[in-house]
N, C-alpha and C. Protein backbone atom coordinates (compact mmCIF):
# COMPACT_ATOMS: atom_id res chain seq x y z
N UNK A 1 0.86 -1.14 -0.02
CA UNK A 1 -0.01 0.10 0.05
C UNK A 1 0.81 1.24 0.05
N UNK A 2 0.61 2.13 -0.93
CA UNK A 2 1.28 3.39 -1.00
C UNK A 2 0.69 4.39 0.02
N UNK A 3 1.54 5.06 0.74
CA UNK A 3 1.08 6.06 1.63
C UNK A 3 0.76 7.39 0.82
N UNK A 4 -0.46 7.87 0.95
CA UNK A 4 -0.87 9.01 0.12
C UNK A 4 -0.88 10.32 0.91
N UNK A 5 -1.17 10.05 2.24
CA UNK A 5 -1.37 11.16 3.14
C UNK A 5 -0.72 10.85 4.55
N UNK A 6 -0.20 11.87 5.25
CA UNK A 6 0.45 11.59 6.31
C UNK A 6 -0.56 10.96 7.49
N UNK A 7 -1.88 11.26 7.29
CA UNK A 7 -2.81 10.62 8.11
C UNK A 7 -2.92 9.22 8.08
N UNK A 8 -2.36 8.56 7.00
CA UNK A 8 -2.40 7.08 6.73
C UNK A 8 -1.31 6.46 7.52
N UNK A 9 -0.25 7.09 8.17
CA UNK A 9 0.83 6.60 8.70
C UNK A 9 0.52 6.17 10.21
N UNK A 10 0.73 4.92 10.64
CA UNK A 10 0.45 4.45 11.91
C UNK A 10 1.09 5.32 13.09
N UNK A 11 2.34 5.56 12.86
CA UNK A 11 2.95 6.36 13.93
C UNK A 11 2.35 7.74 14.09
N UNK A 12 1.84 8.30 13.03
CA UNK A 12 1.05 9.67 13.20
C UNK A 12 -0.27 9.35 13.97
N UNK A 13 -0.89 8.19 13.57
CA UNK A 13 -2.13 7.96 14.27
C UNK A 13 -1.97 7.70 15.71
N UNK A 14 -0.94 7.02 16.10
CA UNK A 14 -0.64 6.75 17.50
C UNK A 14 -0.20 8.01 18.22
N UNK A 15 0.57 8.80 17.58
CA UNK A 15 0.97 10.13 18.13
C UNK A 15 -0.16 10.95 18.41
N UNK A 16 -1.21 10.93 17.55
CA UNK A 16 -2.43 11.70 17.77
C UNK A 16 -3.11 11.24 18.99
N UNK A 17 -3.20 9.78 19.20
CA UNK A 17 -3.76 9.39 20.46
C UNK A 17 -2.98 9.88 21.68
N UNK A 18 -1.73 9.89 21.57
CA UNK A 18 -0.92 10.24 22.69
C UNK A 18 -1.18 11.77 23.02
N UNK A 19 -1.37 12.70 22.01
CA UNK A 19 -1.67 14.09 22.18
C UNK A 19 -2.95 14.18 23.01
N UNK A 20 -3.97 13.46 22.55
CA UNK A 20 -5.33 13.53 23.16
C UNK A 20 -5.29 12.99 24.63
N UNK A 21 -4.45 11.98 24.84
CA UNK A 21 -4.30 11.45 26.28
C UNK A 21 -3.64 12.56 27.10
N UNK A 22 -2.62 13.19 26.66
CA UNK A 22 -1.83 14.16 27.34
C UNK A 22 -2.73 15.44 27.68
N UNK A 23 -3.53 15.75 26.66
CA UNK A 23 -4.46 16.89 26.80
C UNK A 23 -5.48 16.56 27.89
N UNK A 24 -5.94 15.33 27.99
CA UNK A 24 -6.91 14.95 28.84
C UNK A 24 -6.26 15.00 30.31
N UNK A 25 -5.04 14.47 30.44
CA UNK A 25 -4.34 14.50 31.73
C UNK A 25 -4.16 15.89 32.18
N UNK A 26 -3.90 16.81 31.38
CA UNK A 26 -3.28 18.14 31.74
C UNK A 26 -4.53 19.13 31.81
N UNK A 27 -5.72 18.64 31.74
CA UNK A 27 -6.85 19.46 31.83
C UNK A 27 -7.65 19.37 33.21
N UNK A 28 -7.09 18.65 34.12
CA UNK A 28 -7.65 18.47 35.39
C UNK A 28 -6.81 18.51 36.51
N UNK A 29 -7.40 18.76 37.68
CA UNK A 29 -6.79 18.79 38.93
C UNK A 29 -5.64 19.76 39.08
N UNK A 30 -4.62 19.30 39.78
CA UNK A 30 -3.36 20.21 39.99
C UNK A 30 -2.49 20.40 38.69
N UNK A 31 -2.73 19.39 37.79
CA UNK A 31 -1.89 19.54 36.61
C UNK A 31 -2.22 20.64 35.85
N UNK A 32 -3.49 21.10 35.59
CA UNK A 32 -4.00 22.11 34.88
C UNK A 32 -3.35 23.37 35.38
N UNK A 33 -2.95 23.51 36.65
CA UNK A 33 -2.46 24.64 37.21
C UNK A 33 -0.88 24.78 37.12
N UNK A 34 -0.27 23.77 36.77
CA UNK A 34 1.16 23.78 36.65
C UNK A 34 1.39 24.15 35.16
N UNK A 35 1.51 25.43 34.91
CA UNK A 35 1.47 25.85 33.42
C UNK A 35 2.88 25.55 32.73
N UNK A 36 3.87 25.39 33.51
CA UNK A 36 5.19 25.05 32.79
C UNK A 36 5.17 23.74 32.37
N UNK A 37 4.88 22.73 33.23
CA UNK A 37 4.89 21.34 33.06
C UNK A 37 3.82 21.01 31.98
N UNK A 38 2.60 21.67 32.19
CA UNK A 38 1.51 21.41 31.25
C UNK A 38 1.87 21.76 29.79
N UNK A 39 2.44 22.82 29.72
CA UNK A 39 2.86 23.47 28.37
C UNK A 39 3.86 22.59 27.77
N UNK A 40 5.01 22.15 28.55
CA UNK A 40 6.08 21.33 28.06
C UNK A 40 5.64 20.04 27.59
N UNK A 41 4.79 19.21 28.35
CA UNK A 41 4.43 17.91 27.91
C UNK A 41 3.39 18.02 26.83
N UNK A 42 2.53 19.01 26.72
CA UNK A 42 1.74 19.17 25.55
C UNK A 42 2.50 19.42 24.29
N UNK A 43 3.47 20.23 24.45
CA UNK A 43 4.32 20.51 23.21
C UNK A 43 5.23 19.43 22.83
N UNK A 44 5.61 18.56 23.70
CA UNK A 44 6.34 17.31 23.40
C UNK A 44 5.37 16.41 22.62
N UNK A 45 4.31 16.18 23.15
CA UNK A 45 3.32 15.23 22.39
C UNK A 45 2.86 15.75 21.10
N UNK A 46 2.56 17.01 20.98
CA UNK A 46 2.21 17.63 19.70
C UNK A 46 3.30 17.59 18.80
N UNK A 47 4.57 17.71 19.22
CA UNK A 47 5.74 17.65 18.33
C UNK A 47 5.83 16.16 17.69
N UNK A 48 5.46 15.17 18.42
CA UNK A 48 5.42 13.81 17.89
C UNK A 48 4.68 13.80 16.57
N UNK A 49 3.40 14.24 16.67
CA UNK A 49 2.48 14.24 15.52
C UNK A 49 3.15 15.14 14.45
N UNK A 50 3.43 16.30 14.77
CA UNK A 50 3.83 17.29 13.80
C UNK A 50 5.01 16.86 13.03
N UNK A 51 5.98 16.23 13.73
CA UNK A 51 7.25 15.81 12.98
C UNK A 51 7.01 14.75 12.07
N UNK A 52 6.05 13.78 12.28
CA UNK A 52 5.67 12.83 11.28
C UNK A 52 4.97 13.49 9.98
N UNK A 53 4.01 14.42 10.30
CA UNK A 53 3.57 15.14 9.16
C UNK A 53 4.45 15.94 8.43
N UNK A 54 5.36 16.64 9.03
CA UNK A 54 6.44 17.44 8.35
C UNK A 54 7.39 16.42 7.66
N UNK A 55 7.78 15.40 8.26
CA UNK A 55 8.63 14.41 7.44
C UNK A 55 8.11 13.74 6.35
N UNK A 56 6.81 13.71 6.34
CA UNK A 56 6.05 13.08 5.13
C UNK A 56 6.29 13.95 3.88
N UNK A 57 6.47 15.22 3.96
CA UNK A 57 6.75 16.14 2.90
C UNK A 57 8.10 16.42 2.62
N UNK A 58 8.98 15.50 3.26
CA UNK A 58 10.49 15.71 2.96
C UNK A 58 10.80 15.25 1.62
N UNK A 59 11.90 15.78 1.10
CA UNK A 59 12.38 15.48 -0.16
C UNK A 59 13.01 14.07 -0.40
N UNK A 60 13.69 13.69 0.83
CA UNK A 60 14.31 12.45 0.75
C UNK A 60 13.96 11.55 1.93
N UNK A 61 14.24 10.19 1.78
CA UNK A 61 13.99 9.31 2.95
C UNK A 61 14.84 9.77 4.22
N UNK A 62 16.05 10.32 3.97
CA UNK A 62 16.93 10.63 4.93
C UNK A 62 16.35 11.87 5.72
N UNK A 63 15.75 12.74 5.05
CA UNK A 63 15.10 13.92 5.75
C UNK A 63 13.94 13.31 6.65
N UNK A 64 13.12 12.44 6.12
CA UNK A 64 12.05 11.79 6.71
C UNK A 64 12.41 11.13 8.01
N UNK A 65 13.67 10.36 7.81
CA UNK A 65 14.19 9.63 9.02
C UNK A 65 14.49 10.56 10.12
N UNK A 66 15.13 11.66 9.77
CA UNK A 66 15.44 12.72 10.76
C UNK A 66 14.21 13.20 11.48
N UNK A 67 13.13 13.38 10.84
CA UNK A 67 11.96 13.90 11.46
C UNK A 67 11.39 12.79 12.41
N UNK A 68 11.47 11.57 11.88
CA UNK A 68 11.02 10.54 12.76
C UNK A 68 11.90 10.31 14.02
N UNK A 69 13.09 10.67 13.85
CA UNK A 69 14.04 10.63 14.98
C UNK A 69 13.61 11.62 16.01
N UNK A 70 13.16 12.83 15.58
CA UNK A 70 12.61 13.90 16.35
C UNK A 70 11.44 13.44 17.03
N UNK A 71 10.59 12.63 16.36
CA UNK A 71 9.34 12.12 16.93
C UNK A 71 9.73 11.16 18.13
N UNK A 72 10.72 10.29 17.86
CA UNK A 72 11.08 9.61 19.05
C UNK A 72 11.56 10.21 20.32
N UNK A 73 12.41 11.33 19.93
CA UNK A 73 12.95 12.20 21.11
C UNK A 73 11.73 12.85 21.92
N UNK A 74 10.82 13.41 21.03
CA UNK A 74 9.58 14.00 21.70
C UNK A 74 8.87 13.03 22.53
N UNK A 75 8.74 11.88 22.04
CA UNK A 75 7.90 10.81 22.83
C UNK A 75 8.66 10.50 24.16
N UNK A 76 10.01 10.49 24.06
CA UNK A 76 10.84 10.28 25.30
C UNK A 76 10.71 11.41 26.14
N UNK A 77 10.78 12.62 25.63
CA UNK A 77 10.49 13.80 26.39
C UNK A 77 9.19 13.77 27.31
N UNK A 78 8.13 13.35 26.57
CA UNK A 78 6.83 13.21 27.22
C UNK A 78 6.92 12.16 28.29
N UNK A 79 7.68 11.17 28.09
CA UNK A 79 7.72 10.03 29.06
C UNK A 79 8.44 10.50 30.23
N UNK A 80 9.53 11.26 30.17
CA UNK A 80 10.30 11.91 31.13
C UNK A 80 9.38 12.84 31.98
N UNK A 81 8.61 13.68 31.28
CA UNK A 81 7.66 14.60 31.98
C UNK A 81 6.52 14.04 32.75
N UNK A 82 6.16 12.73 32.23
CA UNK A 82 5.10 11.99 33.07
C UNK A 82 5.77 11.65 34.39
N UNK A 83 7.00 11.38 34.46
CA UNK A 83 7.61 11.11 35.76
C UNK A 83 7.46 12.35 36.70
N UNK A 84 7.69 13.47 36.26
CA UNK A 84 7.43 14.72 37.05
C UNK A 84 5.92 14.84 37.59
N UNK A 85 5.07 14.57 36.58
CA UNK A 85 3.67 14.65 36.89
C UNK A 85 3.30 13.63 38.01
N UNK A 86 3.89 12.43 37.80
CA UNK A 86 3.63 11.33 38.95
C UNK A 86 4.23 11.67 40.17
N UNK A 87 5.47 12.22 40.15
CA UNK A 87 6.13 12.53 41.47
C UNK A 87 5.47 13.62 42.21
N UNK A 88 4.81 14.56 41.39
CA UNK A 88 3.94 15.64 41.98
C UNK A 88 2.61 15.28 42.35
N UNK A 89 2.32 14.01 42.03
CA UNK A 89 0.96 13.48 42.27
C UNK A 89 -0.22 14.11 41.47
N UNK A 90 0.22 14.60 40.31
CA UNK A 90 -0.81 15.16 39.42
C UNK A 90 -1.62 14.01 38.72
N UNK A 91 -1.05 12.82 38.58
CA UNK A 91 -1.63 11.75 37.90
C UNK A 91 -1.39 10.58 38.74
N UNK A 92 -2.45 9.44 38.43
CA UNK A 92 -2.41 8.26 39.21
C UNK A 92 -1.31 7.33 38.48
N UNK A 93 -1.03 6.32 39.23
CA UNK A 93 -0.07 5.27 38.69
C UNK A 93 -0.63 4.73 37.43
N UNK A 94 -1.92 4.33 37.45
CA UNK A 94 -2.49 3.88 36.18
C UNK A 94 -2.47 4.86 35.05
N UNK A 95 -2.76 6.15 35.25
CA UNK A 95 -2.72 7.16 34.25
C UNK A 95 -1.19 7.26 33.66
N UNK A 96 -0.25 7.05 34.62
CA UNK A 96 1.15 7.24 34.19
C UNK A 96 1.37 6.02 33.37
N UNK A 97 1.08 4.80 33.70
CA UNK A 97 1.43 3.65 32.94
C UNK A 97 0.73 3.61 31.52
N UNK A 98 -0.55 4.10 31.49
CA UNK A 98 -1.26 4.10 30.25
C UNK A 98 -0.72 4.96 29.20
N UNK A 99 -0.42 6.23 29.70
CA UNK A 99 0.12 7.31 28.79
C UNK A 99 1.67 7.02 28.44
N UNK A 100 2.35 6.49 29.46
CA UNK A 100 3.79 6.08 29.19
C UNK A 100 3.83 5.03 28.09
N UNK A 101 2.93 4.04 28.13
CA UNK A 101 2.90 2.96 27.17
C UNK A 101 2.61 3.54 25.86
N UNK A 102 1.66 4.45 25.69
CA UNK A 102 1.30 5.05 24.44
C UNK A 102 2.50 5.76 23.79
N UNK A 103 3.20 6.47 24.64
CA UNK A 103 4.47 7.08 24.09
C UNK A 103 5.50 6.09 23.68
N UNK A 104 5.57 5.02 24.47
CA UNK A 104 6.46 4.01 23.99
C UNK A 104 5.99 3.25 22.61
N UNK A 105 4.69 3.20 22.40
CA UNK A 105 4.08 2.68 21.04
C UNK A 105 4.46 3.70 20.01
N UNK A 106 4.53 4.93 20.27
CA UNK A 106 4.89 5.91 19.29
C UNK A 106 6.45 5.71 18.83
N UNK A 107 7.15 5.47 19.92
CA UNK A 107 8.63 5.36 19.73
C UNK A 107 8.89 4.09 18.90
N UNK A 108 8.24 3.01 19.33
CA UNK A 108 8.50 1.74 18.59
C UNK A 108 7.99 1.91 16.97
N UNK A 109 6.91 2.46 16.75
CA UNK A 109 6.48 2.61 15.40
C UNK A 109 7.48 3.52 14.65
N UNK A 110 7.88 4.60 15.23
CA UNK A 110 8.87 5.44 14.52
C UNK A 110 10.09 4.71 14.18
N UNK A 111 10.53 3.91 15.17
CA UNK A 111 11.70 3.02 14.86
C UNK A 111 11.42 2.07 13.67
N UNK A 112 10.29 1.52 13.78
CA UNK A 112 10.02 0.59 12.64
C UNK A 112 9.97 1.14 11.25
N UNK A 113 9.43 2.53 11.32
CA UNK A 113 9.19 3.16 10.09
C UNK A 113 10.58 3.60 9.57
N UNK A 114 11.45 3.94 10.49
CA UNK A 114 12.85 4.33 10.12
C UNK A 114 13.57 3.14 9.46
N UNK A 115 13.47 1.96 10.16
CA UNK A 115 13.98 0.67 9.52
C UNK A 115 13.40 0.49 8.13
N UNK A 116 12.16 0.71 8.03
CA UNK A 116 11.52 0.48 6.60
C UNK A 116 12.08 1.44 5.60
N UNK A 117 12.34 2.77 5.88
CA UNK A 117 12.72 3.79 5.07
C UNK A 117 14.21 3.45 4.79
N UNK A 118 15.06 2.88 5.55
CA UNK A 118 16.39 2.51 5.36
C UNK A 118 16.56 1.32 4.48
N UNK A 119 15.71 0.28 4.68
CA UNK A 119 15.88 -0.98 4.07
C UNK A 119 14.76 -1.28 3.07
N UNK A 120 13.56 -0.66 3.12
CA UNK A 120 12.45 -1.06 2.19
C UNK A 120 11.77 -2.30 2.69
N UNK A 121 12.07 -2.86 3.82
CA UNK A 121 11.48 -3.93 4.47
C UNK A 121 10.64 -3.61 5.72
N UNK A 122 9.35 -3.79 5.60
CA UNK A 122 8.47 -3.39 6.83
C UNK A 122 8.84 -4.32 8.02
N UNK A 123 8.80 -3.73 9.17
CA UNK A 123 9.04 -4.43 10.41
C UNK A 123 7.67 -5.01 10.86
N UNK A 124 6.59 -4.18 10.80
CA UNK A 124 5.31 -4.51 11.19
C UNK A 124 4.32 -3.65 10.32
N UNK A 125 3.13 -3.55 10.65
CA UNK A 125 2.24 -2.69 9.82
C UNK A 125 2.60 -1.23 10.04
N UNK A 126 2.85 -0.57 8.99
CA UNK A 126 3.33 0.73 9.06
C UNK A 126 2.23 1.83 8.69
N UNK A 127 1.22 1.33 7.90
CA UNK A 127 0.09 2.16 7.46
C UNK A 127 -1.16 1.36 7.84
N UNK A 128 -2.21 2.17 7.94
CA UNK A 128 -3.49 1.66 8.24
C UNK A 128 -4.19 0.86 7.20
């Protein structure tokens, strides 16, 4: 299957889920009042999604790989910030684990897509 739109890419779809999970977490309780952390974790999650979309319009696979690398970094950043939210008791252990796992899924899909762009061999399902 040929990818025609960035919305067809699984890593973008999973990053979108991550964004919505983060926004849900940051809209309640004490978390919504910690403007610095709230802004930082939201920006990291949105960056995951945006980097995939931006990479889609790259001129070369190498440029796309670079943008997917940024996606992985932003997902890791969001994971790190989840620790702060957990330590500050802004989120429950269950919320932490659920959203952390979603960020991990984004990282794994980005890694798989990078491997595909380098070798032409799919690791798993890369598109919907």
